[in-house]
Amino acid sequence: MMSDPYRLILASASPRRLQLLQQIGIEPTALKPADLDETPLKNEQPRALARRLCEAKAKAVYQAYKDDDYLSGCYILAADTVVAVGRRILPKTELAEEANQCLNLLSGRSHKVHTGICLVTPKGKTRTKVVETRVRFKRLSDDIDPYIASGEWRGKAGGYAIQGIAGSFVVNLVGSYSSVVGLPLNETANLLIGEKYPLRLKWLGGVR
């Protein structure tokens, strides 16, 4: 059985999370998204939902590949982003009507973005962190229809992607910008380094 302690699986199909991981010098061995029901539980808080889903994704991928000849022994990193206004969790919008409702709700007010990250080590140890960022949007009265027409909202938590057009809606951000995109880089790096992943050596080309 092949086991390299320095390989990593990203348990996500998100191109944004892949780009963020590459930004800090990590090229995943494999992309293995976990297909889970992401419906919030009754009365579930936004922060708790982000934690539960990132852990479930990471553990599902660990179970799926722990006996795989090639992928066993990898670190596994999963993430989930939840956008909320107060306790109200906004959906990952698939319909224009949903996106319209989200953007009207976010217009001119602050909301919170919770991104949970979960790391499973080659030995099966689980480490989880939830990062909270506060974002304030300008009033969007004239922006909503053109933004809906752009299609950028499709599949995005809260109906927007901050790294796209919606970046122009942000009046203020307190916390981690990369977390709002989908992967908090400082916290991700700290989790990896804390579990003996040689991140800094990879920056120097010392570990392949």
Protein backbone atom coordinates (compact mmCIF):
# COMPACT_ATOMS: atom_id res chain seq x y z
CA MET A 1 0.00 0.00 0.00
CA MET A 2 1.42 3.35 -1.05
CA SER A 3 1.55 5.93 1.72
CA ASP A 4 3.11 9.38 1.30
CA PRO A 5 2.49 11.58 4.36
CA TYR A 6 2.84 14.75 2.31
CA ARG A 7 0.07 14.28 -0.21
CA LEU A 8 -3.28 16.01 0.12
CA ILE A 9 -6.80 15.44 -1.18
CA LEU A 10 -9.05 18.48 -1.55
CA ALA A 11 -12.58 17.27 -0.79
CA SER A 12 -14.17 19.88 -3.03
CA ALA A 13 -15.04 20.51 -6.67
CA SER A 14 -14.80 24.28 -6.18
CA PRO A 15 -12.33 25.92 -8.58
CA ARG A 16 -12.06 28.82 -6.11
CA ARG A 17 -10.91 26.55 -3.28
CA LEU A 18 -8.40 24.89 -5.59
CA GLN A 19 -6.99 28.27 -6.63
CA LEU A 20 -6.73 29.39 -3.01
CA LEU A 21 -4.91 26.19 -2.04
CA GLN A 22 -2.52 26.65 -4.96
CA GLN A 23 -1.96 30.24 -3.81
CA ILE A 24 -0.29 28.94 -0.63
CA GLY A 25 1.86 26.45 -2.52
CA ILE A 26 -0.22 23.27 -2.41
CA GLU A 27 -1.08 21.22 -5.48
CA PRO A 28 -3.56 18.57 -4.35
CA THR A 29 -2.92 14.95 -5.31
CA ALA A 30 -6.64 14.60 -6.09
CA LEU A 31 -9.94 16.48 -6.03
CA LYS A 32 -12.61 14.30 -4.43
CA PRO A 33 -15.82 16.19 -3.65
CA ALA A 34 -18.25 14.59 -1.21
CA ASP A 35 -21.85 14.59 -2.40
CA LEU A 36 -23.86 15.26 0.76
CA ASP A 37 -27.25 16.65 1.67
CA GLU A 38 -26.43 20.18 2.84
CA THR A 39 -29.90 20.98 4.20
CA PRO A 40 -29.66 22.67 7.63
CA LEU A 41 -31.09 20.73 10.55
CA LYS A 42 -34.05 22.18 12.41
CA ASN A 43 -32.93 25.25 14.42
CA GLU A 44 -29.30 24.69 13.36
CA GLN A 45 -27.12 27.77 13.77
CA PRO A 46 -25.04 28.99 10.79
CA ARG A 47 -21.72 28.34 12.53
CA ALA A 48 -22.78 24.84 13.57
CA LEU A 49 -23.90 24.06 10.02
CA ALA A 50 -20.53 25.10 8.56
CA ARG A 51 -18.74 22.91 11.12
CA ARG A 52 -21.00 19.89 10.61
CA LEU A 53 -20.81 19.97 6.81
CA CYS A 54 -17.04 20.43 6.52
CA GLU A 55 -16.49 17.57 8.98
CA ALA A 56 -18.97 15.34 7.18
CA LYS A 57 -17.30 16.00 3.83
CA ALA A 58 -13.80 15.30 5.13
CA LYS A 59 -14.85 12.13 6.96
CA ALA A 60 -16.81 10.82 3.95
CA VAL A 61 -13.78 11.19 1.71
CA TYR A 62 -11.50 9.63 4.36
CA GLN A 63 -13.79 6.60 4.61
CA ALA A 64 -14.06 6.30 0.83
CA TYR A 65 -10.30 6.22 0.23
CA LYS A 66 -8.69 4.91 3.43
CA ASP A 67 -8.10 1.52 1.80
CA ASP A 68 -7.31 2.84 -1.67
CA ASP A 69 -3.90 1.67 -2.96
CA TYR A 70 -2.99 5.14 -4.20
CA LEU A 71 -4.92 7.64 -2.05
CA SER A 72 -4.70 6.09 1.41
CA GLY A 73 -2.37 8.00 3.68
CA CYS A 74 -3.24 11.43 2.27
CA TYR A 75 -4.18 14.47 4.27
CA ILE A 76 -7.79 15.39 3.47
CA LEU A 77 -9.04 18.97 3.50
CA ALA A 78 -12.71 19.92 3.26
CA ALA A 79 -14.53 23.23 3.61
CA ASP A 80 -18.05 24.60 3.66
CA THR A 81 -19.23 28.20 3.49
CA VAL A 82 -22.48 29.43 5.04
CA VAL A 83 -23.88 32.93 4.55
CA ALA A 84 -26.33 34.18 7.16
CA VAL A 85 -28.30 37.26 8.14
CA GLY A 86 -28.75 36.89 11.87
CA ARG A 87 -29.79 33.26 12.36
CA ARG A 88 -31.26 33.00 8.87
CA ILE A 89 -29.14 30.77 6.66
CA LEU A 90 -29.18 31.81 3.01
CA PRO A 91 -29.25 29.11 0.32
CA LYS A 92 -26.71 28.26 -2.35
CA THR A 93 -28.81 29.84 -5.05
CA GLU A 94 -29.80 27.82 -8.11
CA LEU A 95 -32.78 29.92 -9.27
CA ALA A 96 -32.84 33.61 -10.21
CA GLU A 97 -35.74 34.15 -7.81
CA GLU A 98 -33.66 32.77 -4.92
CA ALA A 99 -30.74 35.02 -5.82
CA ASN A 100 -33.04 38.02 -6.06
CA GLN A 101 -34.41 37.34 -2.58
CA CYS A 102 -30.91 36.93 -1.11
CA LEU A 103 -29.58 40.12 -2.67
CA ASN A 104 -32.59 42.14 -1.52
CA LEU A 105 -32.01 40.80 1.98
CA LEU A 106 -28.28 41.62 1.90
CA SER A 107 -28.78 45.09 0.39
CA GLY A 108 -27.58 47.90 2.65
CA ARG A 109 -26.86 45.72 5.65
CA SER A 110 -24.25 43.51 7.30
CA HIS A 111 -24.19 39.74 7.16
CA LYS A 112 -21.85 37.01 8.36
CA VAL A 113 -19.97 34.42 6.35
CA HIS A 114 -18.97 31.27 8.25
CA THR A 115 -16.45 28.98 6.58
CA GLY A 116 -15.67 25.69 8.26
CA ILE A 117 -12.46 23.86 7.39
CA CYS A 118 -11.76 20.28 8.42
CA LEU A 119 -8.44 18.47 8.10
CA VAL A 120 -8.17 14.70 8.45
CA THR A 121 -4.59 13.52 8.93
CA PRO A 122 -3.10 10.34 7.40
CA LYS A 123 -3.71 8.63 10.77
CA GLY A 124 -7.37 9.66 10.82
CA LYS A 125 -7.13 12.51 13.33
CA THR A 126 -9.66 15.30 12.68
CA ARG A 127 -9.04 19.02 13.20
CA THR A 128 -11.75 21.61 12.56
CA LYS A 129 -11.90 25.40 12.56
CA VAL A 130 -14.77 27.76 11.75
CA VAL A 131 -13.89 31.28 10.59
CA GLU A 132 -16.41 34.11 10.82
CA THR A 133 -16.23 37.21 8.63
CA ARG A 134 -18.60 40.18 8.70
CA VAL A 135 -19.45 41.75 5.35
CA ARG A 136 -21.50 44.88 4.71
CA PHE A 137 -23.12 45.55 1.33
CA LYS A 138 -24.11 48.91 -0.14
CA ARG A 139 -27.73 49.44 -1.16
CA LEU A 140 -28.24 47.39 -4.29
CA SER A 141 -31.43 48.82 -5.79
CA ASP A 142 -30.02 49.42 -9.30
CA ASP A 143 -27.49 46.58 -9.18
CA ILE A 144 -29.67 43.52 -8.60
CA ASP A 145 -31.23 43.03 -12.04
CA PRO A 146 -27.95 43.38 -13.99
CA TYR A 147 -26.20 41.10 -11.48
CA ILE A 148 -28.90 38.46 -11.82
CA ALA A 149 -28.51 38.70 -15.61
CA SER A 150 -24.75 38.07 -15.27
CA GLY A 151 -25.39 34.59 -13.85
CA GLU A 152 -22.50 34.90 -11.36
CA TRP A 153 -24.81 34.07 -8.47
CA ARG A 154 -25.51 30.52 -9.63
CA GLY A 155 -24.56 27.93 -7.02
CA LYS A 156 -23.15 30.55 -4.66
CA ALA A 157 -23.95 30.74 -0.95
CA GLY A 158 -26.04 33.85 -0.38
CA GLY A 159 -26.32 34.45 -4.12
CA TYR A 160 -22.97 36.13 -4.67
CA ALA A 161 -19.28 35.57 -5.28
CA ILE A 162 -17.11 38.25 -3.65
CA GLN A 163 -14.22 37.61 -6.05
CA GLY A 164 -16.43 38.59 -8.99
CA ILE A 165 -18.74 41.50 -9.77
CA ALA A 166 -20.18 41.41 -6.24
CA GLY A 167 -16.85 42.65 -4.91
CA SER A 168 -18.11 46.08 -5.95
CA PHE A 169 -21.03 45.73 -3.50
CA VAL A 170 -18.80 45.43 -0.42
CA VAL A 171 -18.62 48.56 1.73
CA ASN A 172 -16.79 46.93 4.61
CA LEU A 173 -15.28 43.56 5.51
CA VAL A 174 -14.07 42.53 8.95
CA GLY A 175 -12.23 39.21 9.00
CA SER A 176 -10.84 36.95 6.30
CA TYR A 177 -11.42 37.82 2.63
CA SER A 178 -10.20 34.39 1.48
CA SER A 179 -12.72 32.78 3.85
CA VAL A 180 -15.55 34.57 2.06
CA VAL A 181 -14.17 33.27 -1.25
CA GLY A 182 -14.27 29.77 0.22
CA LEU A 183 -11.06 28.87 2.09
CA PRO A 184 -9.50 30.91 4.94
CA LEU A 185 -5.81 30.74 4.06
CA ASN A 186 -4.26 31.71 7.39
CA GLU A 187 -6.30 29.17 9.33
CA THR A 188 -5.82 26.47 6.68
CA ALA A 189 -2.05 26.94 6.76
CA ASN A 190 -2.03 26.83 10.56
CA LEU A 191 -4.05 23.60 10.66
CA LEU A 192 -1.71 21.94 8.16
CA ILE A 193 1.50 23.08 9.86
CA GLY A 194 0.08 22.05 13.25
CA GLU A 195 -0.37 18.52 11.90
CA LYS A 196 3.18 18.21 10.51
CA TYR A 197 2.35 18.99 6.90
CA PRO A 198 5.60 20.54 5.53
CA LEU A 199 3.96 23.61 4.00
CA ARG A 200 6.96 25.94 4.23
CA LEU A 201 9.27 23.32 2.70
CA LYS A 202 6.90 23.11 -0.25
CA TRP A 203 7.36 26.86 -0.78
CA LEU A 204 11.08 26.16 -1.21
CA GLY A 205 10.52 23.21 -3.52
CA GLY A 206 11.99 20.88 -0.90
CA VAL A 207 9.10 18.42 -0.80
CA ARG A 208 7.45 17.07 -3.93
